[in-house]
Amino acid sequence: IIKPFKLDEVKDALNEIGIEGITVSEVKGFGRQKGHTELYRGAEY
């Protein structure tokens, strides 16, 4: 489970060591981060 912006870098590094097959899924979750709050149209959620 990795951060989305690291996907291309990880994929390229795996390709360099000979890994040819990989399955990629977009998922959502949380660990110690416990999410975060954002502001949308003046309302915090």
PDB file of all heavy atoms in Angstrom:
ATOM      1  N   ILE A   1       0.879  -1.164   0.000  1.00  0.00           N
ATOM      2  CA  ILE A   1       0.000   0.000   0.000  1.00  0.00           C
ATOM      3  C   ILE A   1       0.919   1.216   0.000  1.00  0.00           C
ATOM      4  O   ILE A   1       1.732   1.380   0.910  1.00  0.00           O
ATOM      5  CB  ILE A   1      -0.913   0.027   1.245  1.00  0.00           C
ATOM      6  CG1 ILE A   1      -1.636  -1.305   1.441  1.00  0.00           C
ATOM      7  CG2 ILE A   1      -1.884   1.198   1.176  1.00  0.00           C
ATOM      8  CD1 ILE A   1      -2.604  -1.682   0.375  1.00  0.00           C
ATOM      9  N   ILE A   2       0.807   2.050  -1.036  1.00  0.00           N
ATOM     10  CA  ILE A   2       1.704   3.195  -1.166  1.00  0.00           C
ATOM     11  C   ILE A   2       0.922   4.467  -1.480  1.00  0.00           C
ATOM     12  O   ILE A   2      -0.262   4.417  -1.813  1.00  0.00           O
ATOM     13  CB  ILE A   2       2.773   2.954  -2.263  1.00  0.00           C
ATOM     14  CG1 ILE A   2       2.115   2.823  -3.641  1.00  0.00           C
ATOM     15  CG2 ILE A   2       3.619   1.727  -1.937  1.00  0.00           C
ATOM     16  CD1 ILE A   2       3.092   2.804  -4.807  1.00  0.00           C
ATOM     17  N   LYS A   3       1.612   5.599  -1.408  1.00  0.00           N
ATOM     18  CA  LYS A   3       1.000   6.875  -1.785  1.00  0.00           C
ATOM     19  C   LYS A   3       0.856   6.923  -3.307  1.00  0.00           C
ATOM     20  O   LYS A   3       1.748   6.460  -4.037  1.00  0.00           O
ATOM     21  CB  LYS A   3       1.874   8.032  -1.299  1.00  0.00           C
ATOM     22  CG  LYS A   3       1.878   8.163   0.211  1.00  0.00           C
ATOM     23  CD  LYS A   3       2.676   9.366   0.662  1.00  0.00           C
ATOM     24  CE  LYS A   3       2.524   9.531   2.173  1.00  0.00           C
ATOM     25  NZ  LYS A   3       3.127  10.763   2.662  1.00  0.00           N
ATOM     26  N   PRO A   4      -0.260   7.467  -3.798  1.00  0.00           N
ATOM     27  CA  PRO A   4      -0.522   7.458  -5.242  1.00  0.00           C
ATOM     28  C   PRO A   4       0.575   8.092  -6.096  1.00  0.00           C
ATOM     29  O   PRO A   4       0.896   7.589  -7.166  1.00  0.00           O
ATOM     30  CB  PRO A   4      -1.833   8.237  -5.371  1.00  0.00           C
ATOM     31  CG  PRO A   4      -2.515   8.031  -4.059  1.00  0.00           C
ATOM     32  CD  PRO A   4      -1.404   7.989  -3.042  1.00  0.00           C
ATOM     33  N   PHE A   5       1.177   9.177  -5.642  1.00  0.00           N
ATOM     34  CA  PHE A   5       2.164   9.862  -6.472  1.00  0.00           C
ATOM     35  C   PHE A   5       3.479   9.087  -6.594  1.00  0.00           C
ATOM     36  O   PHE A   5       4.339   9.440  -7.402  1.00  0.00           O
ATOM     37  CB  PHE A   5       2.423  11.293  -5.974  1.00  0.00           C
ATOM     38  CG  PHE A   5       3.103  11.380  -4.629  1.00  0.00           C
ATOM     39  CD1 PHE A   5       4.481  11.385  -4.530  1.00  0.00           C
ATOM     40  CD2 PHE A   5       2.339  11.485  -3.470  1.00  0.00           C
ATOM     41  CE1 PHE A   5       5.106  11.484  -3.295  1.00  0.00           C
ATOM     42  CE2 PHE A   5       2.956  11.574  -2.235  1.00  0.00           C
ATOM     43  CZ  PHE A   5       4.342  11.576  -2.151  1.00  0.00           C
ATOM     44  N   LYS A   6       3.631   8.000  -5.833  1.00  0.00           N
ATOM     45  CA  LYS A   6       4.838   7.177  -5.901  1.00  0.00           C
ATOM     46  C   LYS A   6       4.700   6.011  -6.877  1.00  0.00           C
ATOM     47  O   LYS A   6       5.659   5.286  -7.108  1.00  0.00           O
ATOM     48  CB  LYS A   6       5.181   6.628  -4.507  1.00  0.00           C
ATOM     49  CG  LYS A   6       5.773   7.669  -3.582  1.00  0.00           C
ATOM     50  CD  LYS A   6       7.151   8.033  -4.065  1.00  0.00           C
ATOM     51  CE  LYS A   6       7.961   8.773  -3.044  1.00  0.00           C
ATOM     52  NZ  LYS A   6       9.345   8.937  -3.512  1.00  0.00           N
ATOM     53  N   LEU A   7       3.523   5.817  -7.461  1.00  0.00           N
ATOM     54  CA  LEU A   7       3.269   4.650  -8.303  1.00  0.00           C
ATOM     55  C   LEU A   7       4.248   4.517  -9.462  1.00  0.00           C
ATOM     56  O   LEU A   7       4.854   3.466  -9.648  1.00  0.00           O
ATOM     57  CB  LEU A   7       1.833   4.657  -8.826  1.00  0.00           C
ATOM     58  CG  LEU A   7       1.488   3.531  -9.804  1.00  0.00           C
ATOM     59  CD1 LEU A   7       1.685   2.173  -9.164  1.00  0.00           C
ATOM     60  CD2 LEU A   7       0.073   3.697 -10.325  1.00  0.00           C
ATOM     61  N   ASP A   8       4.412   5.555 -10.261  1.00  0.00           N
ATOM     62  CA  ASP A   8       5.280   5.453 -11.434  1.00  0.00           C
ATOM     63  C   ASP A   8       6.721   5.154 -11.049  1.00  0.00           C
ATOM     64  O   ASP A   8       7.393   4.338 -11.690  1.00  0.00           O
ATOM     65  CB  ASP A   8       5.215   6.738 -12.264  1.00  0.00           C
ATOM     66  CG  ASP A   8       3.902   6.872 -13.020  1.00  0.00           C
ATOM     67  OD1 ASP A   8       3.263   5.829 -13.292  1.00  0.00           O
ATOM     68  OD2 ASP A   8       3.504   8.007 -13.323  1.00  0.00           O
ATOM     69  N   GLU A   9       7.185   5.792 -10.000  1.00  0.00           N
ATOM     70  CA  GLU A   9       8.556   5.578  -9.538  1.00  0.00           C
ATOM     71  C   GLU A   9       8.765   4.125  -9.077  1.00  0.00           C
ATOM     72  O   GLU A   9       9.764   3.489  -9.420  1.00  0.00           O
ATOM     73  CB  GLU A   9       8.830   6.544  -8.381  1.00  0.00           C
ATOM     74  CG  GLU A   9      10.263   6.733  -8.034  1.00  0.00           C
ATOM     75  CD  GLU A   9      10.458   7.783  -6.950  1.00  0.00           C
ATOM     76  OE1 GLU A   9       9.593   8.675  -6.773  1.00  0.00           O
ATOM     77  OE2 GLU A   9      11.486   7.689  -6.259  1.00  0.00           O
ATOM     78  N   VAL A  10       7.802   3.595  -8.323  1.00  0.00           N
ATOM     79  CA  VAL A  10       7.895   2.210  -7.841  1.00  0.00           C
ATOM     80  C   VAL A  10       7.804   1.238  -9.012  1.00  0.00           C
ATOM     81  O   VAL A  10       8.584   0.289  -9.106  1.00  0.00           O
ATOM     82  CB  VAL A  10       6.801   1.921  -6.787  1.00  0.00           C
ATOM     83  CG1 VAL A  10       6.735   0.436  -6.451  1.00  0.00           C
ATOM     84  CG2 VAL A  10       7.042   2.739  -5.524  1.00  0.00           C
ATOM     85  N   LYS A  11       6.881   1.489  -9.927  1.00  0.00           N
ATOM     86  CA  LYS A  11       6.715   0.616 -11.100  1.00  0.00           C
ATOM     87  C   LYS A  11       8.002   0.559 -11.920  1.00  0.00           C
ATOM     88  O   LYS A  11       8.450  -0.514 -12.316  1.00  0.00           O
ATOM     89  CB  LYS A  11       5.552   1.113 -11.962  1.00  0.00           C
ATOM     90  CG  LYS A  11       5.309   0.301 -13.215  1.00  0.00           C
ATOM     91  CD  LYS A  11       4.225   0.893 -14.080  1.00  0.00           C
ATOM     92  CE  LYS A  11       4.544   2.237 -14.630  1.00  0.00           C
ATOM     93  NZ  LYS A  11       5.386   2.291 -15.808  1.00  0.00           N
ATOM     94  N   ASP A  12       8.615   1.703 -12.163  1.00  0.00           N
ATOM     95  CA  ASP A  12       9.856   1.746 -12.934  1.00  0.00           C
ATOM     96  C   ASP A  12      10.986   1.012 -12.215  1.00  0.00           C
ATOM     97  O   ASP A  12      11.763   0.285 -12.837  1.00  0.00           O
ATOM     98  CB  ASP A  12      10.268   3.194 -13.217  1.00  0.00           C
ATOM     99  CG  ASP A  12       9.311   3.898 -14.170  1.00  0.00           C
ATOM    100  OD1 ASP A  12       8.526   3.206 -14.857  1.00  0.00           O
ATOM    101  OD2 ASP A  12       9.337   5.149 -14.216  1.00  0.00           O
ATOM    102  N   ALA A  13      11.079   1.183 -10.896  1.00  0.00           N
ATOM    103  CA  ALA A  13      12.128   0.511 -10.118  1.00  0.00           C
ATOM    104  C   ALA A  13      11.936  -1.005 -10.135  1.00  0.00           C
ATOM    105  O   ALA A  13      12.905  -1.758 -10.237  1.00  0.00           O
ATOM    106  CB  ALA A  13      12.132   1.040  -8.688  1.00  0.00           C
ATOM    107  N   LEU A  14      10.683  -1.465 -10.053  1.00  0.00           N
ATOM    108  CA  LEU A  14      10.409  -2.904 -10.116  1.00  0.00           C
ATOM    109  C   LEU A  14      10.728  -3.455 -11.499  1.00  0.00           C
ATOM    110  O   LEU A  14      11.259  -4.557 -11.634  1.00  0.00           O
ATOM    111  CB  LEU A  14       8.949  -3.187  -9.750  1.00  0.00           C
ATOM    112  CG  LEU A  14       8.591  -2.998  -8.282  1.00  0.00           C
ATOM    113  CD1 LEU A  14       7.081  -3.046  -8.086  1.00  0.00           C
ATOM    114  CD2 LEU A  14       9.271  -4.045  -7.408  1.00  0.00           C
ATOM    115  N   ASN A  15      10.433  -2.682 -12.519  1.00  0.00           N
ATOM    116  CA  ASN A  15      10.733  -3.095 -13.886  1.00  0.00           C
ATOM    117  C   ASN A  15      12.245  -3.266 -14.075  1.00  0.00           C
ATOM    118  O   ASN A  15      12.691  -4.180 -14.763  1.00  0.00           O
ATOM    119  CB  ASN A  15      10.175  -2.072 -14.874  1.00  0.00           C
ATOM    120  CG  ASN A  15      10.065  -2.611 -16.278  1.00  0.00           C
ATOM    121  OD1 ASN A  15      10.049  -3.821 -16.479  1.00  0.00           O
ATOM    122  ND2 ASN A  15       9.999  -1.721 -17.246  1.00  0.00           N
ATOM    123  N   GLU A  16      13.031  -2.401 -13.452  1.00  0.00           N
ATOM    124  CA  GLU A  16      14.489  -2.472 -13.559  1.00  0.00           C
ATOM    125  C   GLU A  16      15.058  -3.756 -12.966  1.00  0.00           C
ATOM    126  O   GLU A  16      16.113  -4.219 -13.408  1.00  0.00           O
ATOM    127  CB  GLU A  16      15.130  -1.261 -12.866  1.00  0.00           C
ATOM    128  CG  GLU A  16      15.008   0.020 -13.655  1.00  0.00           C
ATOM    129  CD  GLU A  16      15.606   1.207 -12.929  1.00  0.00           C
ATOM    130  OE1 GLU A  16      16.446   1.010 -12.017  1.00  0.00           O
ATOM    131  OE2 GLU A  16      15.215   2.341 -13.261  1.00  0.00           O
ATOM    132  N   ILE A  17      14.383  -4.340 -11.968  1.00  0.00           N
ATOM    133  CA  ILE A  17      14.893  -5.586 -11.374  1.00  0.00           C
ATOM    134  C   ILE A  17      14.244  -6.824 -11.997  1.00  0.00           C
ATOM    135  O   ILE A  17      14.416  -7.932 -11.511  1.00  0.00           O
ATOM    136  CB  ILE A  17      14.745  -5.614  -9.838  1.00  0.00           C
ATOM    137  CG1 ILE A  17      13.285  -5.577  -9.407  1.00  0.00           C
ATOM    138  CG2 ILE A  17      15.557  -4.503  -9.197  1.00  0.00           C
ATOM    139  CD1 ILE A  17      13.079  -5.942  -7.943  1.00  0.00           C
ATOM    140  N   GLY A  18      13.467  -6.613 -13.065  1.00  0.00           N
ATOM    141  CA  GLY A  18      12.930  -7.745 -13.814  1.00  0.00           C
ATOM    142  C   GLY A  18      11.514  -8.161 -13.475  1.00  0.00           C
ATOM    143  O   GLY A  18      11.055  -9.196 -13.931  1.00  0.00           O
ATOM    144  N   ILE A  19      10.807  -7.365 -12.690  1.00  0.00           N
ATOM    145  CA  ILE A  19       9.408  -7.681 -12.381  1.00  0.00           C
ATOM    146  C   ILE A  19       8.554  -7.225 -13.559  1.00  0.00           C
ATOM    147  O   ILE A  19       8.522  -6.043 -13.888  1.00  0.00           O
ATOM    148  CB  ILE A  19       8.945  -6.985 -11.077  1.00  0.00           C
ATOM    149  CG1 ILE A  19       9.796  -7.436  -9.898  1.00  0.00           C
ATOM    150  CG2 ILE A  19       7.460  -7.241 -10.839  1.00  0.00           C
ATOM    151  CD1 ILE A  19       9.734  -8.916  -9.597  1.00  0.00           C
ATOM    152  N   GLU A  20       7.858  -8.169 -14.184  1.00  0.00           N
ATOM    153  CA  GLU A  20       7.081  -7.854 -15.375  1.00  0.00           C
ATOM    154  C   GLU A  20       5.585  -7.762 -15.116  1.00  0.00           C
ATOM    155  O   GLU A  20       4.873  -7.098 -15.846  1.00  0.00           O
ATOM    156  CB  GLU A  20       7.348  -8.901 -16.448  1.00  0.00           C
ATOM    157  CG  GLU A  20       8.787  -8.913 -16.919  1.00  0.00           C
ATOM    158  CD  GLU A  20       9.083 -10.052 -17.871  1.00  0.00           C
ATOM    159  OE1 GLU A  20       8.256 -10.986 -17.960  1.00  0.00           O
ATOM    160  OE2 GLU A  20      10.132 -10.007 -18.511  1.00  0.00           O
ATOM    161  N   GLY A  21       5.104  -8.443 -14.081  1.00  0.00           N
ATOM    162  CA  GLY A  21       3.674  -8.459 -13.825  1.00  0.00           C
ATOM    163  C   GLY A  21       3.331  -7.800 -12.505  1.00  0.00           C
ATOM    164  O   GLY A  21       3.955  -8.071 -11.483  1.00  0.00           O
ATOM    165  N   ILE A  22       2.331  -6.928 -12.543  1.00  0.00           N
ATOM    166  CA  ILE A  22       1.912  -6.222 -11.339  1.00  0.00           C
ATOM    167  C   ILE A  22       0.441  -5.850 -11.498  1.00  0.00           C
ATOM    168  O   ILE A  22      -0.002  -5.524 -12.595  1.00  0.00           O
ATOM    169  CB  ILE A  22       2.793  -4.972 -11.121  1.00  0.00           C
ATOM    170  CG1 ILE A  22       2.452  -4.255  -9.832  1.00  0.00           C
ATOM    171  CG2 ILE A  22       2.710  -4.031 -12.284  1.00  0.00           C
ATOM    172  CD1 ILE A  22       3.421  -3.140  -9.491  1.00  0.00           C
ATOM    173  N   THR A  23      -0.306  -5.951 -10.422  1.00  0.00           N
ATOM    174  CA  THR A  23      -1.696  -5.528 -10.423  1.00  0.00           C
ATOM    175  C   THR A  23      -1.789  -4.290  -9.546  1.00  0.00           C
ATOM    176  O   THR A  23      -1.259  -4.265  -8.436  1.00  0.00           O
ATOM    177  CB  THR A  23      -2.612  -6.630  -9.856  1.00  0.00           C
ATOM    178  OG1 THR A  23      -2.469  -7.798 -10.665  1.00  0.00           O
ATOM    179  CG2 THR A  23      -4.064  -6.191  -9.854  1.00  0.00           C
ATOM    180  N   VAL A  24      -2.460  -3.263 -10.057  1.00  0.00           N
ATOM    181  CA  VAL A  24      -2.571  -1.990  -9.349  1.00  0.00           C
ATOM    182  C   VAL A  24      -4.048  -1.683  -9.120  1.00  0.00           C
ATOM    183  O   VAL A  24      -4.850  -1.762 -10.046  1.00  0.00           O
ATOM    184  CB  VAL A  24      -1.923  -0.850 -10.170  1.00  0.00           C
ATOM    185  CG1 VAL A  24      -2.101   0.488  -9.477  1.00  0.00           C
ATOM    186  CG2 VAL A  24      -0.457  -1.134 -10.419  1.00  0.00           C
ATOM    187  N   SER A  25      -4.387  -1.337  -7.876  1.00  0.00           N
ATOM    188  CA  SER A  25      -5.759  -0.957  -7.541  1.00  0.00           C
ATOM    189  C   SER A  25      -5.749   0.370  -6.799  1.00  0.00           C
ATOM    190  O   SER A  25      -4.854   0.629  -5.999  1.00  0.00           O
ATOM    191  CB  SER A  25      -6.408  -1.998  -6.619  1.00  0.00           C
ATOM    192  OG  SER A  25      -6.341  -3.283  -7.171  1.00  0.00           O
ATOM    193  N   GLU A  26      -6.745   1.190  -7.085  1.00  0.00           N
ATOM    194  CA  GLU A  26      -6.929   2.407  -6.300  1.00  0.00           C
ATOM    195  C   GLU A  26      -7.782   2.028  -5.097  1.00  0.00           C
ATOM    196  O   GLU A  26      -8.878   1.491  -5.253  1.00  0.00           O
ATOM    197  CB  GLU A  26      -7.622   3.486  -7.127  1.00  0.00           C
ATOM    198  CG  GLU A  26      -6.773   3.999  -8.260  1.00  0.00           C
ATOM    199  CD  GLU A  26      -7.462   5.094  -9.065  1.00  0.00           C
ATOM    200  OE1 GLU A  26      -8.498   5.620  -8.611  1.00  0.00           O
ATOM    201  OE2 GLU A  26      -6.955   5.408 -10.151  1.00  0.00           O
ATOM    202  N   VAL A  27      -7.258   2.275  -3.902  1.00  0.00           N
ATOM    203  CA  VAL A  27      -7.960   1.906  -2.674  1.00  0.00           C
ATOM    204  C   VAL A  27      -8.023   3.113  -1.744  1.00  0.00           C
ATOM    205  O   VAL A  27      -7.366   4.128  -1.982  1.00  0.00           O
ATOM    206  CB  VAL A  27      -7.272   0.715  -1.967  1.00  0.00           C
ATOM    207  CG1 VAL A  27      -7.319  -0.533  -2.838  1.00  0.00           C
ATOM    208  CG2 VAL A  27      -5.846   1.039  -1.607  1.00  0.00           C
ATOM    209  N   LYS A  28      -8.798   2.981  -0.698  1.00  0.00           N
ATOM    210  CA  LYS A  28      -8.873   4.019   0.335  1.00  0.00           C
ATOM    211  C   LYS A  28      -8.742   3.350   1.684  1.00  0.00           C
ATOM    212  O   LYS A  28      -9.205   2.234   1.875  1.00  0.00           O
ATOM    213  CB  LYS A  28     -10.204   4.771   0.263  1.00  0.00           C
ATOM    214  CG  LYS A  28     -10.364   5.602  -0.968  1.00  0.00           C
ATOM    215  CD  LYS A  28     -11.674   6.343  -0.936  1.00  0.00           C
ATOM    216  CE  LYS A  28     -11.822   7.185  -2.201  1.00  0.00           C
ATOM    217  NZ  LYS A  28     -13.010   8.028  -2.123  1.00  0.00           N
ATOM    218  N   GLY A  29      -8.123   4.040   2.617  1.00  0.00           N
ATOM    219  CA  GLY A  29      -7.979   3.481   3.951  1.00  0.00           C
ATOM    220  C   GLY A  29      -7.276   4.445   4.870  1.00  0.00           C
ATOM    221  O   GLY A  29      -6.990   5.579   4.502  1.00  0.00           O
ATOM    222  N   PHE A  30      -7.013   3.968   6.077  1.00  0.00           N
ATOM    223  CA  PHE A  30      -6.237   4.772   7.011  1.00  0.00           C
ATOM    224  C   PHE A  30      -5.549   3.863   8.000  1.00  0.00           C
ATOM    225  O   PHE A  30      -5.953   2.737   8.228  1.00  0.00           O
ATOM    226  CB  PHE A  30      -7.108   5.801   7.756  1.00  0.00           C
ATOM    227  CG  PHE A  30      -8.112   5.194   8.691  1.00  0.00           C
ATOM    228  CD1 PHE A  30      -7.788   4.925  10.020  1.00  0.00           C
ATOM    229  CD2 PHE A  30      -9.389   4.892   8.253  1.00  0.00           C
ATOM    230  CE1 PHE A  30      -8.716   4.380  10.877  1.00  0.00           C
ATOM    231  CE2 PHE A  30     -10.313   4.342   9.103  1.00  0.00           C
ATOM    232  CZ  PHE A  30      -9.984   4.082  10.423  1.00  0.00           C
ATOM    233  N   GLY A  31      -4.477   4.353   8.538  1.00  0.00           N
ATOM    234  CA  GLY A  31      -3.728   3.658   9.579  1.00  0.00           C
ATOM    235  C   GLY A  31      -3.581   4.618  10.735  1.00  0.00           C
ATOM    236  O   GLY A  31      -4.561   5.171  11.223  1.00  0.00           O
ATOM    237  N   ARG A  32      -2.358   4.869  11.125  1.00  0.00           N
ATOM    238  CA  ARG A  32      -2.115   5.813  12.212  1.00  0.00           C
ATOM    239  C   ARG A  32      -2.492   7.235  11.831  1.00  0.00           C
ATOM    240  O   ARG A  32      -2.713   8.067  12.690  1.00  0.00           O
ATOM    241  CB  ARG A  32      -0.640   5.774  12.608  1.00  0.00           C
ATOM    242  CG  ARG A  32      -0.262   4.480  13.268  1.00  0.00           C
ATOM    243  CD  ARG A  32       1.167   4.510  13.718  1.00  0.00           C
ATOM    244  NE  ARG A  32       1.531   3.231  14.301  1.00  0.00           N
ATOM    245  CZ  ARG A  32       2.751   2.782  14.361  1.00  0.00           C
ATOM    246  NH1 ARG A  32       3.742   3.497  13.899  1.00  0.00           N
ATOM    247  NH2 ARG A  32       2.995   1.611  14.902  1.00  0.00           N
ATOM    248  N   GLN A  33      -2.581   7.509  10.533  1.00  0.00           N
ATOM    249  CA  GLN A  33      -2.939   8.839  10.058  1.00  0.00           C
ATOM    250  C   GLN A  33      -4.316   9.268  10.541  1.00  0.00           C
ATOM    251  O   GLN A  33      -4.550  10.431  10.799  1.00  0.00           O
ATOM    252  CB  GLN A  33      -2.959   8.855   8.530  1.00  0.00           C
ATOM    253  CG  GLN A  33      -1.730   9.428   7.907  1.00  0.00           C
ATOM    254  CD  GLN A  33      -1.832   9.339   6.398  1.00  0.00           C
ATOM    255  OE1 GLN A  33      -1.993   8.273   5.839  1.00  0.00           O
ATOM    256  NE2 GLN A  33      -1.733  10.463   5.748  1.00  0.00           N
ATOM    257  N   LYS A  34      -5.239   8.344  10.599  1.00  0.00           N
ATOM    258  CA  LYS A  34      -6.618   8.588  11.030  1.00  0.00           C
ATOM    259  C   LYS A  34      -7.343   9.649  10.200  1.00  0.00           C
ATOM    260  O   LYS A  34      -8.228  10.311  10.677  1.00  0.00           O
ATOM    261  CB  LYS A  34      -6.652   9.016  12.511  1.00  0.00           C
ATOM    262  CG  LYS A  34      -6.077   7.993  13.457  1.00  0.00           C
ATOM    263  CD  LYS A  34      -7.043   6.857  13.689  1.00  0.00           C
ATOM    264  CE  LYS A  34      -6.618   5.992  14.824  1.00  0.00           C
ATOM    265  NZ  LYS A  34      -5.824   4.850  14.449  1.00  0.00           N
ATOM    266  N   GLY A  35      -6.944   9.834   8.969  1.00  0.00           N
ATOM    267  CA  GLY A  35      -7.622  10.810   8.120  1.00  0.00           C
ATOM    268  C   GLY A  35      -7.214  12.224   8.461  1.00  0.00           C
ATOM    269  O   GLY A  35      -6.274  12.469   9.196  1.00  0.00           O
ATOM    270  N   HIS A  36      -7.970  13.189   7.922  1.00  0.00           N
ATOM    271  CA  HIS A  36      -7.687  14.593   8.183  1.00  0.00           C
ATOM    272  C   HIS A  36      -8.941  15.407   7.924  1.00  0.00           C
ATOM    273  O   HIS A  36      -9.916  14.919   7.379  1.00  0.00           O
ATOM    274  CB  HIS A  36      -6.523  15.078   7.315  1.00  0.00           C
ATOM    275  CG  HIS A  36      -6.791  14.961   5.841  1.00  0.00           C
ATOM    276  ND1 HIS A  36      -6.598  13.788   5.152  1.00  0.00           N
ATOM    277  CD2 HIS A  36      -7.233  15.857   4.945  1.00  0.00           C
ATOM    278  CE1 HIS A  36      -6.922  13.974   3.877  1.00  0.00           C
ATOM    279  NE2 HIS A  36      -7.313  15.217   3.733  1.00  0.00           N
ATOM    280  N   THR A  37      -8.914  16.668   8.337  1.00  0.00           N
ATOM    281  CA  THR A  37     -10.064  17.543   8.102  1.00  0.00           C
ATOM    282  C   THR A  37      -9.763  18.459   6.914  1.00  0.00           C
ATOM    283  O   THR A  37      -8.618  18.842   6.683  1.00  0.00           O
ATOM    284  CB  THR A  37     -10.384  18.413   9.336  1.00  0.00           C
ATOM    285  OG1 THR A  37      -9.235  19.177   9.669  1.00  0.00           O
ATOM    286  CG2 THR A  37     -10.799  17.558  10.508  1.00  0.00           C
ATOM    287  N   GLU A  38     -10.803  18.765   6.163  1.00  0.00           N
ATOM    288  CA  GLU A  38     -10.687  19.675   5.033  1.00  0.00           C
ATOM    289  C   GLU A  38     -11.795  20.706   5.112  1.00  0.00           C
ATOM    290  O   GLU A  38     -12.799  20.504   5.800  1.00  0.00           O
ATOM    291  CB  GLU A  38     -10.769  18.912   3.703  1.00  0.00           C
ATOM    292  CG  GLU A  38      -9.562  18.065   3.420  1.00  0.00           C
ATOM    293  CD  GLU A  38      -9.560  17.477   2.022  1.00  0.00           C
ATOM    294  OE1 GLU A  38     -10.482  17.786   1.230  1.00  0.00           O
ATOM    295  OE2 GLU A  38      -8.637  16.705   1.724  1.00  0.00           O
ATOM    296  N   LEU A  39     -11.601  21.785   4.392  1.00  0.00           N
ATOM    297  CA  LEU A  39     -12.581  22.861   4.360  1.00  0.00           C
ATOM    298  C   LEU A  39     -13.201  22.901   2.970  1.00  0.00           C
ATOM    299  O   LEU A  39     -12.489  22.920   1.963  1.00  0.00           O
ATOM    300  CB  LEU A  39     -11.871  24.185   4.665  1.00  0.00           C
ATOM    301  CG  LEU A  39     -12.709  25.321   5.207  1.00  0.00           C
ATOM    302  CD1 LEU A  39     -13.398  24.923   6.511  1.00  0.00           C
ATOM    303  CD2 LEU A  39     -11.829  26.535   5.433  1.00  0.00           C
ATOM    304  N   TYR A  40     -14.533  22.874   2.908  1.00  0.00           N
ATOM    305  CA  TYR A  40     -15.223  22.944   1.627  1.00  0.00           C
ATOM    306  C   TYR A  40     -16.375  23.921   1.756  1.00  0.00           C
ATOM    307  O   TYR A  40     -17.291  23.719   2.560  1.00  0.00           O
ATOM    308  CB  TYR A  40     -15.727  21.562   1.203  1.00  0.00           C
ATOM    309  CG  TYR A  40     -16.478  21.572  -0.114  1.00  0.00           C
ATOM    310  CD1 TYR A  40     -15.796  21.758  -1.313  1.00  0.00           C
ATOM    311  CD2 TYR A  40     -17.854  21.421  -0.161  1.00  0.00           C
ATOM    312  CE1 TYR A  40     -16.462  21.777  -2.519  1.00  0.00           C
ATOM    313  CE2 TYR A  40     -18.540  21.434  -1.365  1.00  0.00           C
ATOM    314  CZ  TYR A  40     -17.840  21.609  -2.540  1.00  0.00           C
ATOM    315  OH  TYR A  40     -18.510  21.637  -3.739  1.00  0.00           O
ATOM    316  N   ARG A  41     -16.336  25.005   0.997  1.00  0.00           N
ATOM    317  CA  ARG A  41     -17.361  26.051   1.025  1.00  0.00           C
ATOM    318  C   ARG A  41     -17.648  26.518   2.449  1.00  0.00           C
ATOM    319  O   ARG A  41     -18.803  26.648   2.867  1.00  0.00           O
ATOM    320  CB  ARG A  41     -18.633  25.574   0.348  1.00  0.00           C
ATOM    321  CG  ARG A  41     -18.443  25.350  -1.134  1.00  0.00           C
ATOM    322  CD  ARG A  41     -19.751  25.121  -1.822  1.00  0.00           C
ATOM    323  NE  ARG A  41     -19.529  25.009  -3.257  1.00  0.00           N
ATOM    324  CZ  ARG A  41     -20.498  24.833  -4.129  1.00  0.00           C
ATOM    325  NH1 ARG A  41     -21.738  24.765  -3.727  1.00  0.00           N
ATOM    326  NH2 ARG A  41     -20.217  24.748  -5.403  1.00  0.00           N
ATOM    327  N   GLY A  42     -16.603  26.697   3.191  1.00  0.00           N
ATOM    328  CA  GLY A  42     -16.732  27.217   4.547  1.00  0.00           C
ATOM    329  C   GLY A  42     -17.081  26.190   5.605  1.00  0.00           C
ATOM    330  O   GLY A  42     -17.091  26.492   6.789  1.00  0.00           O
ATOM    331  N   ALA A  43     -17.371  24.970   5.199  1.00  0.00           N
ATOM    332  CA  ALA A  43     -17.727  23.926   6.165  1.00  0.00           C
ATOM    333  C   ALA A  43     -16.542  22.971   6.319  1.00  0.00           C
ATOM    334  O   ALA A  43     -15.931  22.556   5.331  1.00  0.00           O
ATOM    335  CB  ALA A  43     -18.960  23.159   5.699  1.00  0.00           C
ATOM    336  N   GLU A  44     -16.239  22.623   7.545  1.00  0.00           N
ATOM    337  CA  GLU A  44     -15.155  21.691   7.820  1.00  0.00           C
ATOM    338  C   GLU A  44     -15.724  20.275   7.866  1.00  0.00           C
ATOM    339  O   GLU A  44     -16.776  20.037   8.442  1.00  0.00           O
ATOM    340  CB  GLU A  44     -14.513  22.041   9.166  1.00  0.00           C
ATOM    341  CG  GLU A  44     -13.196  21.358   9.400  1.00  0.00           C
ATOM    342  CD  GLU A  44     -12.510  21.873  10.659  1.00  0.00           C
ATOM    343  OE1 GLU A  44     -11.805  22.886  10.570  1.00  0.00           O
ATOM    344  OE2 GLU A  44     -12.711  21.234  11.701  1.00  0.00           O
ATOM    345  N   TYR A  45     -15.032  19.344   7.233  1.00  0.00           N
ATOM    346  CA  TYR A  45     -15.472  17.960   7.284  1.00  0.00           C
ATOM    347  C   TYR A  45     -14.258  17.042   7.391  1.00  0.00           C
ATOM    348  O   TYR A  45     -13.152  17.416   7.035  1.00  0.00           O
ATOM    349  CB  TYR A  45     -16.350  17.600   6.083  1.00  0.00           C
ATOM    350  CG  TYR A  45     -15.644  17.605   4.754  1.00  0.00           C
ATOM    351  CD1 TYR A  45     -15.199  16.417   4.188  1.00  0.00           C
ATOM    352  CD2 TYR A  45     -15.423  18.787   4.061  1.00  0.00           C
ATOM    353  CE1 TYR A  45     -14.549  16.404   2.972  1.00  0.00           C
ATOM    354  CE2 TYR A  45     -14.774  18.793   2.842  1.00  0.00           C
ATOM    355  CZ  TYR A  45     -14.343  17.602   2.299  1.00  0.00           C
ATOM    356  OH  TYR A  45     -13.691  17.596   1.098  1.00  0.00           O
TER     357      TYR A  45
END
